[in-house]
Protein backbone atom coordinates (compact mmCIF):
# COMPACT_ATOMS: atom_id res chain seq x y z
CA MET A 1 49.08 72.70 96.82
CA THR A 2 48.74 73.48 93.60
CA LEU A 3 50.27 71.02 90.77
CA ASN A 4 52.33 73.29 88.33
CA PRO A 5 50.18 73.85 84.99
CA LYS A 6 53.47 72.35 83.18
CA LEU A 7 54.05 69.19 84.87
CA THR A 8 49.93 68.84 84.57
CA ASN A 9 50.13 69.22 81.25
CA LEU A 10 52.90 66.77 81.31
CA LEU A 11 50.55 64.20 83.48
CA ASN A 12 47.47 64.09 81.64
CA GLU A 13 50.13 63.15 78.76
CA GLN A 14 50.92 60.43 81.03
CA ILE A 15 47.83 59.11 81.27
CA ASN A 16 47.79 59.47 77.38
CA ASN A 17 50.80 57.16 77.37
CA GLU A 18 50.27 55.16 79.28
CA MET A 19 47.00 54.56 78.35
CA SER A 20 48.29 53.96 74.71
CA SER A 21 51.09 51.23 75.89
CA SER A 22 47.56 49.28 77.27
CA TYR A 23 45.81 49.73 73.53
CA VAL A 24 49.75 48.39 72.47
CA TYR A 25 49.56 45.51 74.57
CA LEU A 26 45.97 44.33 73.78
CA ALA A 27 47.04 44.96 69.70
CA MET A 28 49.87 42.39 70.60
CA ALA A 29 47.25 40.33 73.16
CA GLY A 30 45.06 40.15 70.62
CA TRP A 31 47.48 38.62 67.12
CA PHE A 32 48.74 36.10 70.32
CA GLU A 33 45.66 34.90 69.90
CA ARG A 34 45.78 34.28 66.98
CA THR A 35 48.28 31.93 66.73
CA PRO A 36 48.67 28.53 68.81
CA TYR A 37 50.15 30.33 72.12
CA ALA A 38 47.39 30.93 74.26
CA GLY A 39 50.11 31.78 77.29
CA PHE A 40 51.71 35.05 75.38
CA ALA A 41 48.12 35.71 74.66
CA GLN A 42 47.52 35.93 78.27
CA TRP A 43 50.89 37.66 79.50
CA MET A 44 50.34 40.27 77.12
CA PHE A 45 46.10 40.84 78.39
CA ALA A 46 47.68 41.09 81.79
CA GLN A 47 50.04 43.75 80.40
CA SER A 48 47.66 45.72 79.14
CA ARG A 49 45.57 45.61 82.41
CA GLU A 50 48.63 46.63 84.21
CA GLU A 51 49.68 49.52 82.31
CA THR A 52 45.40 50.56 82.20
CA MET A 53 46.37 50.31 86.25
CA HIS A 54 49.39 52.40 85.50
CA ALA A 55 47.05 55.53 83.79
CA LEU A 56 44.47 55.19 86.60
CA LYS A 57 47.01 55.77 89.39
CA PHE A 58 47.79 58.93 87.84
CA TYR A 59 44.52 59.81 87.28
CA GLN A 60 44.11 59.47 90.48
CA TYR A 61 46.90 61.75 91.39
CA LEU A 62 45.95 64.79 89.49
CA VAL A 63 42.29 64.33 91.10
CA ASP A 64 44.43 63.83 94.55
CA ARG A 65 45.87 67.00 93.35
CA ASP A 66 42.70 69.30 92.51
CA ALA A 67 43.86 69.25 89.04
CA THR A 68 42.13 69.38 85.70
CA VAL A 69 42.37 65.96 84.01
CA GLU A 70 41.97 66.62 80.26
CA LEU A 71 42.11 62.92 78.85
CA GLN A 72 43.99 62.82 74.53
CA PRO A 73 42.64 60.07 71.68
CA ILE A 74 44.91 56.82 71.53
CA ALA A 75 46.28 56.10 67.89
CA GLN A 76 45.75 52.90 66.46
CA PRO A 77 48.76 50.53 67.50
CA LYS A 78 50.63 47.77 65.57
CA MET A 79 48.42 44.86 64.74
CA ASP A 80 50.30 41.95 63.09
CA TYR A 81 53.57 40.91 64.09
CA ALA A 82 56.37 38.25 62.31
CA SER A 83 57.14 36.46 65.49
CA PRO A 84 56.54 35.59 69.37
CA MET A 85 60.07 37.77 69.12
CA ASP A 86 59.06 40.34 66.67
CA ALA A 87 55.92 40.91 69.75
CA PHE A 88 58.18 40.93 72.34
CA GLN A 89 60.92 43.00 70.63
CA HIS A 90 58.04 45.72 70.10
CA SER A 91 57.36 45.25 73.62
CA LEU A 92 60.98 46.03 75.24
CA MET A 93 61.08 48.90 73.07
CA GLN A 94 57.86 50.12 73.94
CA GLU A 95 58.84 49.66 78.10
CA GLU A 96 61.94 51.56 77.20
CA LYS A 97 60.07 54.34 75.48
CA VAL A 98 57.68 54.61 78.68
CA THR A 99 60.66 54.61 81.16
CA GLN A 100 61.91 57.77 79.21
CA GLN A 101 58.85 59.56 79.10
CA ILE A 102 58.52 58.63 83.46
CA ASN A 103 62.66 59.87 83.68
CA ASP A 104 61.57 63.07 81.61
CA LEU A 105 58.28 63.90 84.11
CA TYR A 106 60.69 63.16 86.77
CA GLU A 107 63.21 66.11 86.05
CA VAL A 108 60.43 68.10 85.79
CA ALA A 109 58.92 67.88 88.93
CA GLU A 110 62.23 68.05 90.11
CA GLN A 111 62.50 71.34 88.51
CA VAL A 112 59.27 72.99 90.20
CA LYS A 113 60.50 71.44 93.29
CA ASP A 114 57.20 68.73 93.62
CA HIS A 115 58.50 66.74 95.86
CA ALA A 116 55.30 64.89 96.07
CA SER A 117 55.17 63.88 92.04
CA LYS A 118 58.69 62.92 92.25
CA ASN A 119 57.92 60.47 95.36
CA LEU A 120 55.22 59.03 92.36
CA LEU A 121 57.49 58.89 89.58
CA LEU A 122 60.20 57.20 91.23
CA TRP A 123 57.14 54.46 91.86
CA PHE A 124 56.72 54.53 88.52
CA LEU A 125 60.70 54.58 87.85
CA ASN A 126 61.40 51.17 90.34
CA GLU A 127 58.48 49.79 87.87
CA GLN A 128 59.93 50.26 84.74
CA MET A 129 62.80 48.48 85.67
CA GLU A 130 60.87 45.86 87.00
CA GLU A 131 58.99 45.82 83.47
CA GLU A 132 62.13 46.14 81.32
CA LYS A 133 64.19 43.25 83.02
CA THR A 134 61.12 40.89 82.87
CA VAL A 135 60.89 41.55 79.32
CA ARG A 136 64.58 41.42 78.49
CA ASP A 137 64.66 37.69 80.54
CA MET A 138 61.38 36.85 77.97
CA LEU A 139 63.75 37.78 74.98
CA ASP A 140 66.67 36.08 76.30
CA ARG A 141 64.81 32.97 76.78
CA LEU A 142 63.04 32.98 73.68
CA LYS A 143 66.13 33.51 71.37
CA LEU A 144 67.42 30.01 72.78
CA ALA A 145 64.49 28.47 71.95
CA GLY A 146 64.92 29.97 68.87
CA GLU A 147 62.34 28.57 66.19
CA ASP A 148 62.07 25.46 68.10
CA PRO A 149 58.63 24.37 68.70
CA ALA A 150 58.95 22.35 72.05
CA SER A 151 61.01 25.13 73.80
CA LEU A 152 58.51 27.94 72.14
CA LEU A 153 55.34 25.54 73.39
CA VAL A 154 57.38 25.51 77.47
CA LEU A 155 57.92 29.22 77.15
CA ASP A 156 54.15 30.61 76.27
CA ARG A 157 52.92 27.39 78.91
CA GLU A 158 55.53 29.96 81.48
CA ALA A 159 54.10 33.21 80.48
CA GLY A 160 50.72 31.77 80.50
CA SER A 161 51.06 31.25 83.99
CA ARG A 162 51.69 34.98 84.58
CA PRO A 163 49.39 36.44 86.97
CA SER A 164 46.53 37.97 84.94
CA GLY A 165 45.00 40.79 87.55
CA GLY A 166 41.59 38.84 87.11
CA GLY A 167 41.13 38.38 83.48
CA GLY A 168 42.47 35.74 81.56
CA ARG A 169 42.23 33.99 78.50
CA GLY A 170 38.72 30.92 78.89
CA LYS A 171 38.42 33.13 82.08
CA PRO A 172 35.20 35.87 82.17
CA GLY A 173 36.72 39.13 81.90
CA GLY A 174 40.12 37.94 80.25
CA PRO A 175 40.89 37.38 75.91
CA GLY A 176 39.35 33.99 75.13
CA GLY A 177 36.00 34.77 77.99
CA ALA A 178 32.61 35.62 77.66
């Protein structure tokens, strides 16, 4: 079954959205690299890698459906944040934006009766629910920590224990690595 042209265009846009999201998280990791918060840097780097993998999943789906992949430019992300709380608030806004984009894609897939695309998009919707919850949980904990340096360092250490998908601070292929 040929992929609907409107859906093809929107899926190509979503590759850009996911790569832009990856870039946002990479910029956040870079900002954290300039702070004492190595764990938060690793957390954001892991998130960047995950968003790249999402883009590649959309890419492969288009290829598998014999549709044309059309890559688009990626805008420069915000580079500075006032605090860990500020960075994670922006992270939540980013995740909510992506969730809305996936919801919009799902509606189009439903309109054109493309059940295979709906199946793919359901996977992403479930993933987005998990990602939003993870960021909200961190924000709740950051609110409890307030400005207390010891509490922030504990949260930073916990954030650094998040699996990074093969890279991470001080490891080859990750932030701070060779």
